[in-house]
Amino acid sequence: LKLVALVLRLVNFVLEPILARFGGPKRTEPFPAIRDEVLRVPAVE
């Protein structure tokens, strides 16, 4: 377990700055707002 955890953390140490820079585009537009208020009502209500 120690060996697996150590290896994976080392892999992540290398990956983290790469993913932070090249991990896909940031969303440029707001997420669609909830317009229908029924979508804000709890299930029990």
PDB file of all heavy atoms in Angstrom:
ATOM      1  N   LEU A   1       0.820  -1.205   0.000  1.00  0.00           N
ATOM      2  CA  LEU A   1       0.000   0.000   0.000  1.00  0.00           C
ATOM      3  C   LEU A   1       0.857   1.259   0.000  1.00  0.00           C
ATOM      4  O   LEU A   1       0.565   2.230  -0.703  1.00  0.00           O
ATOM      5  CB  LEU A   1      -0.925   0.003   1.220  1.00  0.00           C
ATOM      6  CG  LEU A   1      -2.117  -0.954   1.180  1.00  0.00           C
ATOM      7  CD1 LEU A   1      -2.803  -0.999   2.532  1.00  0.00           C
ATOM      8  CD2 LEU A   1      -3.107  -0.550   0.096  1.00  0.00           C
ATOM      9  N   LYS A   2       1.922   1.243   0.796  1.00  0.00           N
ATOM     10  CA  LYS A   2       2.821   2.397   0.831  1.00  0.00           C
ATOM     11  C   LYS A   2       3.459   2.634  -0.532  1.00  0.00           C
ATOM     12  O   LYS A   2       3.551   3.773  -1.005  1.00  0.00           O
ATOM     13  CB  LYS A   2       3.911   2.181   1.881  1.00  0.00           C
ATOM     14  CG  LYS A   2       3.455   2.381   3.315  1.00  0.00           C
ATOM     15  CD  LYS A   2       4.627   2.209   4.271  1.00  0.00           C
ATOM     16  CE  LYS A   2       4.213   2.499   5.704  1.00  0.00           C
ATOM     17  NZ  LYS A   2       5.329   2.338   6.651  1.00  0.00           N
ATOM     18  N   LEU A   3       3.876   1.539  -1.167  1.00  0.00           N
ATOM     19  CA  LEU A   3       4.522   1.654  -2.468  1.00  0.00           C
ATOM     20  C   LEU A   3       3.561   2.188  -3.511  1.00  0.00           C
ATOM     21  O   LEU A   3       3.892   3.109  -4.272  1.00  0.00           O
ATOM     22  CB  LEU A   3       5.064   0.291  -2.898  1.00  0.00           C
ATOM     23  CG  LEU A   3       5.790   0.251  -4.244  1.00  0.00           C
ATOM     24  CD1 LEU A   3       7.024   1.160  -4.208  1.00  0.00           C
ATOM     25  CD2 LEU A   3       6.200  -1.177  -4.584  1.00  0.00           C
ATOM     26  N   VAL A   4       2.332   1.622  -3.550  1.00  0.00           N
ATOM     27  CA  VAL A   4       1.328   2.073  -4.515  1.00  0.00           C
ATOM     28  C   VAL A   4       1.005   3.547  -4.296  1.00  0.00           C
ATOM     29  O   VAL A   4       0.974   4.349  -5.231  1.00  0.00           O
ATOM     30  CB  VAL A   4       0.053   1.211  -4.412  1.00  0.00           C
ATOM     31  CG1 VAL A   4      -1.085   1.838  -5.214  1.00  0.00           C
ATOM     32  CG2 VAL A   4       0.325  -0.202  -4.922  1.00  0.00           C
ATOM     33  N   ALA A   5       0.759   3.918  -3.025  1.00  0.00           N
ATOM     34  CA  ALA A   5       0.402   5.306  -2.723  1.00  0.00           C
ATOM     35  C   ALA A   5       1.535   6.256  -3.089  1.00  0.00           C
ATOM     36  O   ALA A   5       1.301   7.346  -3.625  1.00  0.00           O
ATOM     37  CB  ALA A   5       0.049   5.440  -1.246  1.00  0.00           C
ATOM     38  N   LEU A   6       2.767   5.852  -2.811  1.00  0.00           N
ATOM     39  CA  LEU A   6       3.907   6.708  -3.106  1.00  0.00           C
ATOM     40  C   LEU A   6       4.065   6.912  -4.610  1.00  0.00           C
ATOM     41  O   LEU A   6       4.264   8.039  -5.086  1.00  0.00           O
ATOM     42  CB  LEU A   6       5.185   6.107  -2.518  1.00  0.00           C
ATOM     43  CG  LEU A   6       6.485   6.883  -2.798  1.00  0.00           C
ATOM     44  CD1 LEU A   6       6.397   8.289  -2.227  1.00  0.00           C
ATOM     45  CD2 LEU A   6       7.680   6.139  -2.220  1.00  0.00           C
ATOM     46  N   VAL A   7       3.994   5.810  -5.372  1.00  0.00           N
ATOM     47  CA  VAL A   7       4.135   5.903  -6.827  1.00  0.00           C
ATOM     48  C   VAL A   7       3.055   6.802  -7.414  1.00  0.00           C
ATOM     49  O   VAL A   7       3.321   7.675  -8.254  1.00  0.00           O
ATOM     50  CB  VAL A   7       4.090   4.504  -7.466  1.00  0.00           C
ATOM     51  CG1 VAL A   7       3.964   4.612  -8.984  1.00  0.00           C
ATOM     52  CG2 VAL A   7       5.331   3.707  -7.093  1.00  0.00           C
ATOM     53  N   LEU A   8       1.816   6.613  -6.962  1.00  0.00           N
ATOM     54  CA  LEU A   8       0.712   7.398  -7.512  1.00  0.00           C
ATOM     55  C   LEU A   8       0.833   8.873  -7.146  1.00  0.00           C
ATOM     56  O   LEU A   8       0.495   9.754  -7.945  1.00  0.00           O
ATOM     57  CB  LEU A   8      -0.629   6.832  -7.031  1.00  0.00           C
ATOM     58  CG  LEU A   8      -0.969   5.456  -7.605  1.00  0.00           C
ATOM     59  CD1 LEU A   8      -2.270   4.946  -7.012  1.00  0.00           C
ATOM     60  CD2 LEU A   8      -1.072   5.500  -9.123  1.00  0.00           C
ATOM     61  N   ARG A   9       1.312   9.154  -5.955  1.00  0.00           N
ATOM     62  CA  ARG A   9       1.502  10.552  -5.577  1.00  0.00           C
ATOM     63  C   ARG A   9       2.618  11.202  -6.383  1.00  0.00           C
ATOM     64  O   ARG A   9       2.538  12.381  -6.726  1.00  0.00           O
ATOM     65  CB  ARG A   9       1.772  10.663  -4.076  1.00  0.00           C
ATOM     66  CG  ARG A   9       0.531  10.343  -3.227  1.00  0.00           C
ATOM     67  CD  ARG A   9       0.637  10.926  -1.851  1.00  0.00           C
ATOM     68  NE  ARG A   9       0.639  12.390  -1.912  1.00  0.00           N
ATOM     69  CZ  ARG A   9       1.022  13.166  -0.910  1.00  0.00           C
ATOM     70  NH1 ARG A   9       1.457  12.637   0.212  1.00  0.00           N
ATOM     71  NH2 ARG A   9       1.008  14.468  -1.028  1.00  0.00           N
ATOM     72  N   LEU A  10       3.652  10.434  -6.695  1.00  0.00           N
ATOM     73  CA  LEU A  10       4.715  10.960  -7.544  1.00  0.00           C
ATOM     74  C   LEU A  10       4.194  11.233  -8.954  1.00  0.00           C
ATOM     75  O   LEU A  10       4.535  12.266  -9.564  1.00  0.00           O
ATOM     76  CB  LEU A  10       5.888   9.974  -7.593  1.00  0.00           C
ATOM     77  CG  LEU A  10       6.722   9.854  -6.319  1.00  0.00           C
ATOM     78  CD1 LEU A  10       7.744   8.726  -6.445  1.00  0.00           C
ATOM     79  CD2 LEU A  10       7.434  11.176  -6.021  1.00  0.00           C
ATOM     80  N   VAL A  11       3.384  10.313  -9.460  1.00  0.00           N
ATOM     81  CA  VAL A  11       2.768  10.523 -10.778  1.00  0.00           C
ATOM     82  C   VAL A  11       1.936  11.796 -10.759  1.00  0.00           C
ATOM     83  O   VAL A  11       1.989  12.627 -11.668  1.00  0.00           O
ATOM     84  CB  VAL A  11       1.906   9.316 -11.172  1.00  0.00           C
ATOM     85  CG1 VAL A  11       1.051   9.635 -12.404  1.00  0.00           C
ATOM     86  CG2 VAL A  11       2.782   8.099 -11.461  1.00  0.00           C
ATOM     87  N   ASN A  12       1.184  11.958  -9.689  1.00  0.00           N
ATOM     88  CA  ASN A  12       0.323  13.131  -9.596  1.00  0.00           C
ATOM     89  C   ASN A  12       1.131  14.417  -9.443  1.00  0.00           C
ATOM     90  O   ASN A  12       0.734  15.476  -9.941  1.00  0.00           O
ATOM     91  CB  ASN A  12      -0.640  12.986  -8.421  1.00  0.00           C
ATOM     92  CG  ASN A  12      -1.896  13.801  -8.629  1.00  0.00           C
ATOM     93  OD1 ASN A  12      -2.636  13.569  -9.564  1.00  0.00           O
ATOM     94  ND2 ASN A  12      -2.117  14.771  -7.767  1.00  0.00           N
ATOM     95  N   PHE A  13       2.270  14.327  -8.752  1.00  0.00           N
ATOM     96  CA  PHE A  13       3.139  15.489  -8.595  1.00  0.00           C
ATOM     97  C   PHE A  13       3.593  16.005  -9.963  1.00  0.00           C
ATOM     98  O   PHE A  13       3.696  17.208 -10.188  1.00  0.00           O
ATOM     99  CB  PHE A  13       4.352  15.112  -7.743  1.00  0.00           C
ATOM    100  CG  PHE A  13       5.330  16.238  -7.538  1.00  0.00           C
ATOM    101  CD1 PHE A  13       5.073  17.247  -6.630  1.00  0.00           C
ATOM    102  CD2 PHE A  13       6.511  16.284  -8.268  1.00  0.00           C
ATOM    103  CE1 PHE A  13       5.974  18.286  -6.444  1.00  0.00           C
ATOM    104  CE2 PHE A  13       7.418  17.321  -8.094  1.00  0.00           C
ATOM    105  CZ  PHE A  13       7.150  18.322  -7.171  1.00  0.00           C
ATOM    106  N   VAL A  14       3.846  15.063 -10.868  1.00  0.00           N
ATOM    107  CA  VAL A  14       4.251  15.432 -12.223  1.00  0.00           C
ATOM    108  C   VAL A  14       3.051  15.928 -13.035  1.00  0.00           C
ATOM    109  O   VAL A  14       3.147  16.911 -13.781  1.00  0.00           O
ATOM    110  CB  VAL A  14       4.915  14.228 -12.932  1.00  0.00           C
ATOM    111  CG1 VAL A  14       5.211  14.561 -14.393  1.00  0.00           C
ATOM    112  CG2 VAL A  14       6.179  13.820 -12.203  1.00  0.00           C
ATOM    113  N   LEU A  15       1.904  15.256 -12.856  1.00  0.00           N
ATOM    114  CA  LEU A  15       0.728  15.574 -13.671  1.00  0.00           C
ATOM    115  C   LEU A  15       0.061  16.895 -13.281  1.00  0.00           C
ATOM    116  O   LEU A  15      -0.468  17.603 -14.137  1.00  0.00           O
ATOM    117  CB  LEU A  15      -0.308  14.453 -13.558  1.00  0.00           C
ATOM    118  CG  LEU A  15      -0.106  13.210 -14.416  1.00  0.00           C
ATOM    119  CD1 LEU A  15      -1.222  12.200 -14.129  1.00  0.00           C
ATOM    120  CD2 LEU A  15      -0.112  13.578 -15.896  1.00  0.00           C
ATOM    121  N   GLU A  16       0.077  17.222 -11.979  1.00  0.00           N
ATOM    122  CA  GLU A  16      -0.719  18.344 -11.493  1.00  0.00           C
ATOM    123  C   GLU A  16      -0.433  19.659 -12.225  1.00  0.00           C
ATOM    124  O   GLU A  16      -1.365  20.321 -12.691  1.00  0.00           O
ATOM    125  CB  GLU A  16      -0.548  18.509  -9.984  1.00  0.00           C
ATOM    126  CG  GLU A  16      -1.533  19.493  -9.378  1.00  0.00           C
ATOM    127  CD  GLU A  16      -1.565  19.402  -7.869  1.00  0.00           C
ATOM    128  OE1 GLU A  16      -0.776  18.635  -7.284  1.00  0.00           O
ATOM    129  OE2 GLU A  16      -2.378  20.113  -7.264  1.00  0.00           O
ATOM    130  N   PRO A  17       0.824  20.087 -12.354  1.00  0.00           N
ATOM    131  CA  PRO A  17       1.049  21.347 -13.075  1.00  0.00           C
ATOM    132  C   PRO A  17       0.700  21.257 -14.562  1.00  0.00           C
ATOM    133  O   PRO A  17       0.280  22.248 -15.153  1.00  0.00           O
ATOM    134  CB  PRO A  17       2.550  21.599 -12.872  1.00  0.00           C
ATOM    135  CG  PRO A  17       3.139  20.274 -12.541  1.00  0.00           C
ATOM    136  CD  PRO A  17       2.078  19.534 -11.807  1.00  0.00           C
ATOM    137  N   ILE A  18       0.845  20.074 -15.137  1.00  0.00           N
ATOM    138  CA  ILE A  18       0.486  19.901 -16.552  1.00  0.00           C
ATOM    139  C   ILE A  18      -1.018  20.033 -16.727  1.00  0.00           C
ATOM    140  O   ILE A  18      -1.511  20.735 -17.632  1.00  0.00           O
ATOM    141  CB  ILE A  18       0.981  18.532 -17.068  1.00  0.00           C
ATOM    142  CG1 ILE A  18       2.507  18.460 -16.980  1.00  0.00           C
ATOM    143  CG2 ILE A  18       0.506  18.286 -18.493  1.00  0.00           C
ATOM    144  CD1 ILE A  18       3.076  17.095 -17.314  1.00  0.00           C
ATOM    145  N   LEU A  19      -1.757  19.359 -15.856  1.00  0.00           N
ATOM    146  CA  LEU A  19      -3.217  19.413 -15.949  1.00  0.00           C
ATOM    147  C   LEU A  19      -3.743  20.813 -15.649  1.00  0.00           C
ATOM    148  O   LEU A  19      -4.732  21.253 -16.229  1.00  0.00           O
ATOM    149  CB  LEU A  19      -3.833  18.395 -14.984  1.00  0.00           C
ATOM    150  CG  LEU A  19      -3.574  16.925 -15.316  1.00  0.00           C
ATOM    151  CD1 LEU A  19      -4.101  16.037 -14.196  1.00  0.00           C
ATOM    152  CD2 LEU A  19      -4.219  16.552 -16.641  1.00  0.00           C
ATOM    153  N   ALA A  20      -3.063  21.498 -14.724  1.00  0.00           N
ATOM    154  CA  ALA A  20      -3.496  22.856 -14.394  1.00  0.00           C
ATOM    155  C   ALA A  20      -3.354  23.788 -15.595  1.00  0.00           C
ATOM    156  O   ALA A  20      -4.155  24.706 -15.791  1.00  0.00           O
ATOM    157  CB  ALA A  20      -2.685  23.389 -13.216  1.00  0.00           C
ATOM    158  N   ARG A  21      -2.345  23.532 -16.414  1.00  0.00           N
ATOM    159  CA  ARG A  21      -2.099  24.413 -17.564  1.00  0.00           C
ATOM    160  C   ARG A  21      -2.825  23.967 -18.822  1.00  0.00           C
ATOM    161  O   ARG A  21      -3.309  24.779 -19.602  1.00  0.00           O
ATOM    162  CB  ARG A  21      -0.593  24.485 -17.828  1.00  0.00           C
ATOM    163  CG  ARG A  21      -0.205  25.470 -18.913  1.00  0.00           C
ATOM    164  CD  ARG A  21       1.296  25.639 -19.003  1.00  0.00           C
ATOM    165  NE  ARG A  21       1.677  26.564 -20.045  1.00  0.00           N
ATOM    166  CZ  ARG A  21       1.732  27.885 -19.908  1.00  0.00           C
ATOM    167  NH1 ARG A  21       1.419  28.416 -18.734  1.00  0.00           N
ATOM    168  NH2 ARG A  21       2.092  28.678 -20.898  1.00  0.00           N
ATOM    169  N   PHE A  22      -2.899  22.632 -19.009  1.00  0.00           N
ATOM    170  CA  PHE A  22      -3.450  22.120 -20.264  1.00  0.00           C
ATOM    171  C   PHE A  22      -4.676  21.219 -20.055  1.00  0.00           C
ATOM    172  O   PHE A  22      -5.022  20.437 -20.931  1.00  0.00           O
ATOM    173  CB  PHE A  22      -2.376  21.325 -21.017  1.00  0.00           C
ATOM    174  CG  PHE A  22      -1.130  22.102 -21.292  1.00  0.00           C
ATOM    175  CD1 PHE A  22       0.030  21.850 -20.581  1.00  0.00           C
ATOM    176  CD2 PHE A  22      -1.121  23.098 -22.270  1.00  0.00           C
ATOM    177  CE1 PHE A  22       1.191  22.573 -20.821  1.00  0.00           C
ATOM    178  CE2 PHE A  22       0.035  23.822 -22.516  1.00  0.00           C
ATOM    179  CZ  PHE A  22       1.184  23.565 -21.795  1.00  0.00           C
ATOM    180  N   GLY A  23      -5.308  21.331 -18.914  1.00  0.00           N
ATOM    181  CA  GLY A  23      -6.405  20.421 -18.582  1.00  0.00           C
ATOM    182  C   GLY A  23      -7.745  20.775 -19.167  1.00  0.00           C
ATOM    183  O   GLY A  23      -8.786  20.460 -18.589  1.00  0.00           O
ATOM    184  N   GLY A  24      -7.768  21.421 -20.302  1.00  0.00           N
ATOM    185  CA  GLY A  24      -9.040  21.733 -20.961  1.00  0.00           C
ATOM    186  C   GLY A  24      -9.419  23.186 -20.799  1.00  0.00           C
ATOM    187  O   GLY A  24      -8.928  23.885 -19.900  1.00  0.00           O
ATOM    188  N   PRO A  25     -10.306  23.658 -21.633  1.00  0.00           N
ATOM    189  CA  PRO A  25     -10.686  25.075 -21.600  1.00  0.00           C
ATOM    190  C   PRO A  25     -11.609  25.410 -20.441  1.00  0.00           C
ATOM    191  O   PRO A  25     -12.447  24.609 -20.041  1.00  0.00           O
ATOM    192  CB  PRO A  25     -11.420  25.256 -22.942  1.00  0.00           C
ATOM    193  CG  PRO A  25     -11.977  23.901 -23.248  1.00  0.00           C
ATOM    194  CD  PRO A  25     -10.974  22.926 -22.720  1.00  0.00           C
ATOM    195  N   LYS A  26     -11.436  26.584 -19.908  1.00  0.00           N
ATOM    196  CA  LYS A  26     -12.335  27.093 -18.889  1.00  0.00           C
ATOM    197  C   LYS A  26     -13.654  27.493 -19.539  1.00  0.00           C
ATOM    198  O   LYS A  26     -13.679  27.940 -20.680  1.00  0.00           O
ATOM    199  CB  LYS A  26     -11.703  28.319 -18.205  1.00  0.00           C
ATOM    200  CG  LYS A  26     -12.442  28.808 -16.989  1.00  0.00           C
ATOM    201  CD  LYS A  26     -11.665  29.925 -16.314  1.00  0.00           C
ATOM    202  CE  LYS A  26     -12.380  30.380 -15.044  1.00  0.00           C
ATOM    203  NZ  LYS A  26     -11.610  31.456 -14.360  1.00  0.00           N
ATOM    204  N   ARG A  27     -14.756  27.286 -18.826  1.00  0.00           N
ATOM    205  CA  ARG A  27     -16.052  27.662 -19.383  1.00  0.00           C
ATOM    206  C   ARG A  27     -16.097  29.169 -19.601  1.00  0.00           C
ATOM    207  O   ARG A  27     -15.775  29.946 -18.707  1.00  0.00           O
ATOM    208  CB  ARG A  27     -17.173  27.223 -18.438  1.00  0.00           C
ATOM    209  CG  ARG A  27     -18.550  27.294 -19.069  1.00  0.00           C
ATOM    210  CD  ARG A  27     -19.591  26.576 -18.230  1.00  0.00           C
ATOM    211  NE  ARG A  27     -19.655  27.097 -16.882  1.00  0.00           N
ATOM    212  CZ  ARG A  27     -19.781  26.351 -15.791  1.00  0.00           C
ATOM    213  NH1 ARG A  27     -19.827  25.045 -15.891  1.00  0.00           N
ATOM    214  NH2 ARG A  27     -19.834  26.895 -14.592  1.00  0.00           N
ATOM    215  N   THR A  28     -16.488  29.555 -20.800  1.00  0.00           N
ATOM    216  CA  THR A  28     -16.487  30.982 -21.148  1.00  0.00           C
ATOM    217  C   THR A  28     -17.840  31.638 -20.941  1.00  0.00           C
ATOM    218  O   THR A  28     -17.927  32.861 -20.865  1.00  0.00           O
ATOM    219  CB  THR A  28     -16.066  31.165 -22.619  1.00  0.00           C
ATOM    220  OG1 THR A  28     -16.956  30.409 -23.465  1.00  0.00           O
ATOM    221  CG2 THR A  28     -14.633  30.677 -22.825  1.00  0.00           C
ATOM    222  N   GLU A  29     -18.893  30.826 -20.847  1.00  0.00           N
ATOM    223  CA  GLU A  29     -20.230  31.374 -20.630  1.00  0.00           C
ATOM    224  C   GLU A  29     -20.809  30.822 -19.332  1.00  0.00           C
ATOM    225  O   GLU A  29     -20.462  29.710 -18.916  1.00  0.00           O
ATOM    226  CB  GLU A  29     -21.145  31.027 -21.808  1.00  0.00           C
ATOM    227  CG  GLU A  29     -20.704  31.648 -23.130  1.00  0.00           C
ATOM    228  CD  GLU A  29     -21.678  31.330 -24.245  1.00  0.00           C
ATOM    229  OE1 GLU A  29     -22.679  30.637 -23.968  1.00  0.00           O
ATOM    230  OE2 GLU A  29     -21.437  31.772 -25.372  1.00  0.00           O
ATOM    231  N   PRO A  30     -21.703  31.553 -18.692  1.00  0.00           N
ATOM    232  CA  PRO A  30     -22.312  31.057 -17.451  1.00  0.00           C
ATOM    233  C   PRO A  30     -23.072  29.754 -17.690  1.00  0.00           C
ATOM    234  O   PRO A  30     -23.594  29.518 -18.785  1.00  0.00           O
ATOM    235  CB  PRO A  30     -23.265  32.190 -17.057  1.00  0.00           C
ATOM    236  CG  PRO A  30     -22.770  33.394 -17.782  1.00  0.00           C
ATOM    237  CD  PRO A  30     -22.178  32.902 -19.060  1.00  0.00           C
ATOM    238  N   PHE A  31     -23.107  28.926 -16.660  1.00  0.00           N
ATOM    239  CA  PHE A  31     -23.914  27.710 -16.741  1.00  0.00           C
ATOM    240  C   PHE A  31     -25.374  28.122 -16.855  1.00  0.00           C
ATOM    241  O   PHE A  31     -25.796  29.107 -16.237  1.00  0.00           O
ATOM    242  CB  PHE A  31     -23.695  26.865 -15.486  1.00  0.00           C
ATOM    243  CG  PHE A  31     -24.118  25.445 -15.627  1.00  0.00           C
ATOM    244  CD1 PHE A  31     -23.311  24.527 -16.286  1.00  0.00           C
ATOM    245  CD2 PHE A  31     -25.330  25.004 -15.116  1.00  0.00           C
ATOM    246  CE1 PHE A  31     -23.694  23.202 -16.416  1.00  0.00           C
ATOM    247  CE2 PHE A  31     -25.723  23.688 -15.239  1.00  0.00           C
ATOM    248  CZ  PHE A  31     -24.898  22.777 -15.897  1.00  0.00           C
ATOM    249  N   PRO A  32     -26.181  27.407 -17.637  1.00  0.00           N
ATOM    250  CA  PRO A  32     -27.585  27.812 -17.823  1.00  0.00           C
ATOM    251  C   PRO A  32     -28.313  28.009 -16.498  1.00  0.00           C
ATOM    252  O   PRO A  32     -28.334  27.114 -15.651  1.00  0.00           O
ATOM    253  CB  PRO A  32     -28.180  26.650 -18.618  1.00  0.00           C
ATOM    254  CG  PRO A  32     -27.024  26.068 -19.358  1.00  0.00           C
ATOM    255  CD  PRO A  32     -25.853  26.209 -18.440  1.00  0.00           C
ATOM    256  N   ALA A  33     -28.893  29.175 -16.327  1.00  0.00           N
ATOM    257  CA  ALA A  33     -29.603  29.487 -15.090  1.00  0.00           C
ATOM    258  C   ALA A  33     -30.903  28.700 -15.014  1.00  0.00           C
ATOM    259  O   ALA A  33     -31.495  28.328 -16.030  1.00  0.00           O
ATOM    260  CB  ALA A  33     -29.895  30.988 -15.020  1.00  0.00           C
ATOM    261  N   ILE A  34     -31.353  28.446 -13.791  1.00  0.00           N
ATOM    262  CA  ILE A  34     -32.641  27.790 -13.581  1.00  0.00           C
ATOM    263  C   ILE A  34     -33.732  28.843 -13.715  1.00  0.00           C
ATOM    264  O   ILE A  34     -33.826  29.767 -12.902  1.00  0.00           O
ATOM    265  CB  ILE A  34     -32.691  27.117 -12.205  1.00  0.00           C
ATOM    266  CG1 ILE A  34     -31.679  25.970 -12.153  1.00  0.00           C
ATOM    267  CG2 ILE A  34     -34.093  26.616 -11.895  1.00  0.00           C
ATOM    268  CD1 ILE A  34     -31.586  25.297 -10.804  1.00  0.00           C
ATOM    269  N   ARG A  35     -34.550  28.707 -14.737  1.00  0.00           N
ATOM    270  CA  ARG A  35     -35.611  29.683 -14.995  1.00  0.00           C
ATOM    271  C   ARG A  35     -36.973  29.225 -14.484  1.00  0.00           C
ATOM    272  O   ARG A  35     -37.807  30.049 -14.119  1.00  0.00           O
ATOM    273  CB  ARG A  35     -35.681  29.976 -16.497  1.00  0.00           C
ATOM    274  CG  ARG A  35     -34.447  30.703 -17.040  1.00  0.00           C
ATOM    275  CD  ARG A  35     -34.549  30.955 -18.533  1.00  0.00           C
ATOM    276  NE  ARG A  35     -34.524  29.714 -19.293  1.00  0.00           N
ATOM    277  CZ  ARG A  35     -33.414  29.099 -19.672  1.00  0.00           C
ATOM    278  NH1 ARG A  35     -32.234  29.593 -19.348  1.00  0.00           N
ATOM    279  NH2 ARG A  35     -33.472  27.968 -20.353  1.00  0.00           N
ATOM    280  N   ASP A  36     -37.213  27.928 -14.489  1.00  0.00           N
ATOM    281  CA  ASP A  36     -38.495  27.394 -14.016  1.00  0.00           C
ATOM    282  C   ASP A  36     -38.368  27.101 -12.520  1.00  0.00           C
ATOM    283  O   ASP A  36     -37.604  26.232 -12.101  1.00  0.00           O
ATOM    284  CB  ASP A  36     -38.840  26.119 -14.786  1.00  0.00           C
ATOM    285  CG  ASP A  36     -40.276  25.662 -14.544  1.00  0.00           C
ATOM    286  OD1 ASP A  36     -40.823  25.980 -13.478  1.00  0.00           O
ATOM    287  OD2 ASP A  36     -40.838  24.984 -15.436  1.00  0.00           O
ATOM    288  N   GLU A  37     -39.123  27.810 -11.713  1.00  0.00           N
ATOM    289  CA  GLU A  37     -38.993  27.700 -10.257  1.00  0.00           C
ATOM    290  C   GLU A  37     -39.399  26.339  -9.717  1.00  0.00           C
ATOM    291  O   GLU A  37     -39.054  25.991  -8.579  1.00  0.00           O
ATOM    292  CB  GLU A  37     -39.796  28.802  -9.565  1.00  0.00           C
ATOM    293  CG  GLU A  37     -39.180  30.184  -9.725  1.00  0.00           C
ATOM    294  CD  GLU A  37     -37.741  30.247  -9.217  1.00  0.00           C
ATOM    295  OE1 GLU A  37     -37.488  29.838  -8.064  1.00  0.00           O
ATOM    296  OE2 GLU A  37     -36.860  30.681  -9.981  1.00  0.00           O
ATOM    297  N   VAL A  38     -40.111  25.538 -10.510  1.00  0.00           N
ATOM    298  CA  VAL A  38     -40.460  24.191 -10.053  1.00  0.00           C
ATOM    299  C   VAL A  38     -39.201  23.366  -9.822  1.00  0.00           C
ATOM    300  O   VAL A  38     -39.186  22.448  -8.999  1.00  0.00           O
ATOM    301  CB  VAL A  38     -41.401  23.485 -11.069  1.00  0.00           C
ATOM    302  CG1 VAL A  38     -40.655  23.103 -12.339  1.00  0.00           C
ATOM    303  CG2 VAL A  38     -42.024  22.235 -10.441  1.00  0.00           C
ATOM    304  N   LEU A  39     -38.124  23.726 -10.502  1.00  0.00           N
ATOM    305  CA  LEU A  39     -36.863  23.002 -10.356  1.00  0.00           C
ATOM    306  C   LEU A  39     -36.176  23.296  -9.029  1.00  0.00           C
ATOM    307  O   LEU A  39     -35.186  22.640  -8.687  1.00  0.00           O
ATOM    308  CB  LEU A  39     -35.922  23.348 -11.506  1.00  0.00           C
ATOM    309  CG  LEU A  39     -36.428  23.029 -12.919  1.00  0.00           C
ATOM    310  CD1 LEU A  39     -35.442  23.525 -13.961  1.00  0.00           C
ATOM    311  CD2 LEU A  39     -36.684  21.536 -13.086  1.00  0.00           C
ATOM    312  N   ARG A  40     -36.688  24.245  -8.285  1.00  0.00           N
ATOM    313  CA  ARG A  40     -36.116  24.595  -6.980  1.00  0.00           C
ATOM    314  C   ARG A  40     -36.947  24.059  -5.817  1.00  0.00           C
ATOM    315  O   ARG A  40     -36.660  24.355  -4.650  1.00  0.00           O
ATOM    316  CB  ARG A  40     -35.986  26.113  -6.837  1.00  0.00           C
ATOM    317  CG  ARG A  40     -35.031  26.754  -7.836  1.00  0.00           C
ATOM    318  CD  ARG A  40     -34.957  28.257  -7.620  1.00  0.00           C
ATOM    319  NE  ARG A  40     -34.100  28.919  -8.577  1.00  0.00           N
ATOM    320  CZ  ARG A  40     -32.787  29.114  -8.432  1.00  0.00           C
ATOM    321  NH1 ARG A  40     -32.191  28.674  -7.342  1.00  0.00           N
ATOM    322  NH2 ARG A  40     -32.077  29.728  -9.359  1.00  0.00           N
ATOM    323  N   VAL A  41     -37.960  23.275  -6.109  1.00  0.00           N
ATOM    324  CA  VAL A  41     -38.855  22.760  -5.066  1.00  0.00           C
ATOM    325  C   VAL A  41     -38.368  21.376  -4.604  1.00  0.00           C
ATOM    326  O   VAL A  41     -38.163  20.490  -5.434  1.00  0.00           O
ATOM    327  CB  VAL A  41     -40.301  22.655  -5.586  1.00  0.00           C
ATOM    328  CG1 VAL A  41     -41.220  22.138  -4.482  1.00  0.00           C
ATOM    329  CG2 VAL A  41     -40.783  24.014  -6.096  1.00  0.00           C
ATOM    330  N   PRO A  42     -38.175  21.176  -3.293  1.00  0.00           N
ATOM    331  CA  PRO A  42     -37.751  19.859  -2.800  1.00  0.00           C
ATOM    332  C   PRO A  42     -38.754  18.760  -3.154  1.00  0.00           C
ATOM    333  O   PRO A  42     -39.947  19.028  -3.361  1.00  0.00           O
ATOM    334  CB  PRO A  42     -37.677  20.063  -1.280  1.00  0.00           C
ATOM    335  CG  PRO A  42     -37.465  21.533  -1.102  1.00  0.00           C
ATOM    336  CD  PRO A  42     -38.244  22.179  -2.213  1.00  0.00           C
ATOM    337  N   ALA A  43     -38.286  17.529  -3.190  1.00  0.00           N
ATOM    338  CA  ALA A  43     -39.127  16.396  -3.596  1.00  0.00           C
ATOM    339  C   ALA A  43     -40.325  16.220  -2.682  1.00  0.00           C
ATOM    340  O   ALA A  43     -41.438  15.926  -3.160  1.00  0.00           O
ATOM    341  CB  ALA A  43     -38.291  15.121  -3.620  1.00  0.00           C
ATOM    342  N   VAL A  44     -40.130  16.373  -1.369  1.00  0.00           N
ATOM    343  CA  VAL A  44     -41.260  16.172  -0.456  1.00  0.00           C
ATOM    344  C   VAL A  44     -42.335  17.225  -0.666  1.00  0.00           C
ATOM    345  O   VAL A  44     -43.536  16.951  -0.519  1.00  0.00           O
ATOM    346  CB  VAL A  44     -40.795  16.158   1.013  1.00  0.00           C
ATOM    347  CG1 VAL A  44     -39.959  14.929   1.306  1.00  0.00           C
ATOM    348  CG2 VAL A  44     -40.042  17.428   1.379  1.00  0.00           C
ATOM    349  N   GLU A  45     -41.938  18.440  -1.035  1.00  0.00           N
ATOM    350  CA  GLU A  45     -42.922  19.484  -1.307  1.00  0.00           C
ATOM    351  C   GLU A  45     -43.599  19.264  -2.649  1.00  0.00           C
ATOM    352  O   GLU A  45     -44.806  19.521  -2.802  1.00  0.00           O
ATOM    353  CB  GLU A  45     -42.249  20.856  -1.258  1.00  0.00           C
ATOM    354  CG  GLU A  45     -41.750  21.231   0.130  1.00  0.00           C
ATOM    355  CD  GLU A  45     -41.096  22.603   0.162  1.00  0.00           C
ATOM    356  OE1 GLU A  45     -41.336  23.415  -0.765  1.00  0.00           O
ATOM    357  OE2 GLU A  45     -40.339  22.872   1.122  1.00  0.00           O
TER     358      GLU A  45
END
